[in-house]
Structure formats: C-alpha cells, structure tokens
Amino acid sequence: MATWKHVTGLAALALLAPGSALAQGGSDPRGSGPILAAVNWVQGTLLGNVATAVAVIAVAIVGFMMLTGRMNWKHGITVIFGCFILFGATVIVAGIQSAARIAG
C-alpha cells in the first residue's frame, strides 16, 4: 500500500502541475514550449481518467480493508487525504493566489 512518502511525493508532483492556476497573464515565457508541454503531460497523467479510476479503486480497497480490520485507520486516512490533495491541488493553489492578491 501507499506510504506517507508516496502520498507526499504525489502531492508534490501535483503542485508542480498547476495548469492554468499559475498562468502569467495569458503569455508564457519565450522558450518554455517543451517544458510547458511536459508539465501539461504530467498534469494530464495525474488528473486524467486513468488516474481518477485508479484513485477510486484505491479508496474503495483501502476503505474495505479498514472496515475489515486489515489496515490501520491512520494509514487509510492518509491514503484518502492524499487523493483529496492530489485532485484538489489546482483549487488549493487558486485559493492561495486569491488570498495573496487580496492581502497584497
């Protein structure tokens, strides 16, 4: 099963792929095409249909294992919380940026 390091690593990767949340006025710096394409690929991989299906299956399996007493609740909640962070990363970043604009 996923450990804390795996969940933290996936969350870090999700923060590296914010998509339009970190757009700089609609224009990208010159020469960033290949880098932007790679980041968009990572974002598509982490948030696409396959990743969503895998996350749903993982949460179902972890939930079943917690209910049958085969998994520690702490580890199960960590996996589920990691999925929320992974799929909510763009919303989290947008909220932080919004708060920074209001404060600044």
Protein backbone atom coordinates (compact mmCIF):
# COMPACT_ATOMS: atom_id res chain seq x y z
CA MET A 1 0.00 0.00 0.00
CA ALA A 2 1.00 3.64 -0.31
CA THR A 3 3.16 5.07 2.41
CA TRP A 4 3.41 8.63 3.64
CA LYS A 5 6.39 9.19 1.33
CA HIS A 6 4.38 8.06 -1.69
CA VAL A 7 1.44 10.29 -0.82
CA THR A 8 3.74 13.26 -0.17
CA GLY A 9 5.55 12.63 -3.45
CA LEU A 10 2.29 12.54 -5.40
CA ALA A 11 1.15 15.75 -3.72
CA ALA A 12 4.45 17.41 -4.64
CA LEU A 13 4.03 16.30 -8.26
CA ALA A 14 0.51 17.71 -8.28
CA LEU A 15 1.84 21.06 -7.13
CA LEU A 16 4.34 21.02 -9.99
CA ALA A 17 1.48 20.74 -12.47
CA PRO A 18 -0.87 23.59 -11.61
CA GLY A 19 -2.01 24.20 -15.18
CA SER A 20 -3.83 27.48 -15.62
CA ALA A 21 -3.70 28.35 -11.92
CA LEU A 22 -0.22 29.85 -12.33
CA ALA A 23 -0.73 31.40 -15.76
CA GLN A 24 1.18 34.64 -16.13
CA GLY A 25 -1.27 36.94 -17.82
CA GLY A 26 -2.01 34.50 -20.64
CA SER A 27 1.50 34.57 -22.14
CA ASP A 28 4.27 32.08 -21.46
CA PRO A 29 7.95 32.97 -21.38
CA ARG A 30 9.86 32.51 -24.62
CA GLY A 31 11.35 29.04 -25.00
CA SER A 32 9.03 27.41 -22.47
CA GLY A 33 7.16 25.32 -25.05
CA PRO A 34 8.79 21.93 -24.34
CA ILE A 35 8.74 22.49 -20.58
CA LEU A 36 5.10 23.55 -20.67
CA ALA A 37 4.22 20.53 -22.79
CA ALA A 38 5.95 18.23 -20.28
CA VAL A 39 4.18 19.84 -17.33
CA ASN A 40 0.83 19.57 -19.11
CA TRP A 41 1.53 15.89 -19.80
CA VAL A 42 2.30 15.29 -16.11
CA GLN A 43 -0.88 17.13 -15.14
CA GLY A 44 -2.93 15.11 -17.61
CA THR A 45 -1.41 11.90 -16.28
CA LEU A 46 -2.04 12.78 -12.63
CA LEU A 47 -5.56 14.12 -13.14
CA GLY A 48 -6.79 12.17 -16.17
CA ASN A 49 -9.33 9.39 -16.49
CA VAL A 50 -6.88 6.60 -15.68
CA ALA A 51 -5.65 8.35 -12.53
CA THR A 52 -9.23 9.01 -11.44
CA ALA A 53 -10.18 5.37 -11.92
CA VAL A 54 -7.09 4.19 -10.02
CA ALA A 55 -7.84 6.61 -7.17
CA VAL A 56 -11.45 5.40 -6.92
CA ILE A 57 -10.30 1.78 -6.82
CA ALA A 58 -7.60 2.63 -4.24
CA VAL A 59 -10.08 4.41 -1.97
CA ALA A 60 -12.53 1.51 -2.28
CA ILE A 61 -9.87 -1.07 -1.44
CA VAL A 62 -8.48 0.98 1.45
CA GLY A 63 -11.97 1.58 2.81
CA PHE A 64 -12.80 -2.11 2.64
CA MET A 65 -9.52 -3.03 4.35
CA MET A 66 -10.17 -0.50 7.12
CA LEU A 67 -13.68 -1.83 7.68
CA THR A 68 -12.48 -5.42 7.90
CA GLY A 69 -9.67 -4.52 10.29
CA ARG A 70 -6.84 -5.37 7.92
CA MET A 71 -5.47 -1.85 7.73
CA ASN A 72 -4.67 0.70 10.38
CA TRP A 73 -7.10 3.62 10.24
CA LYS A 74 -4.23 6.13 10.32
CA HIS A 75 -2.71 4.71 7.14
CA GLY A 76 -6.07 4.50 5.43
CA ILE A 77 -6.96 8.11 6.20
CA THR A 78 -3.53 9.14 4.89
CA VAL A 79 -4.23 7.49 1.52
CA ILE A 80 -7.66 9.09 1.24
CA PHE A 81 -6.33 12.51 2.31
CA GLY A 82 -3.57 12.18 -0.30
CA CYS A 83 -6.16 11.62 -3.03
CA PHE A 84 -8.01 14.77 -1.93
CA ILE A 85 -4.79 16.78 -2.08
CA LEU A 86 -3.84 15.32 -5.46
CA PHE A 87 -7.13 16.08 -7.15
CA GLY A 88 -7.71 19.36 -5.30
CA ALA A 89 -4.25 20.84 -5.90
CA THR A 90 -5.38 23.33 -8.56
CA VAL A 91 -8.20 24.59 -6.35
CA ILE A 92 -5.83 24.87 -3.37
CA VAL A 93 -3.30 26.87 -5.42
CA ALA A 94 -6.01 29.12 -6.83
CA GLY A 95 -7.29 29.82 -3.30
CA ILE A 96 -3.82 30.67 -2.06
CA GLN A 97 -3.25 33.00 -5.02
CA SER A 98 -6.60 34.66 -4.44
CA ALA A 99 -5.78 35.22 -0.78
CA ALA A 100 -2.36 36.61 -1.71
CA ARG A 101 -3.93 39.08 -4.18
CA ILE A 102 -6.39 40.30 -1.55
CA ALA A 103 -3.68 40.65 1.12
CA GLY A 104 -1.16 42.26 -1.24
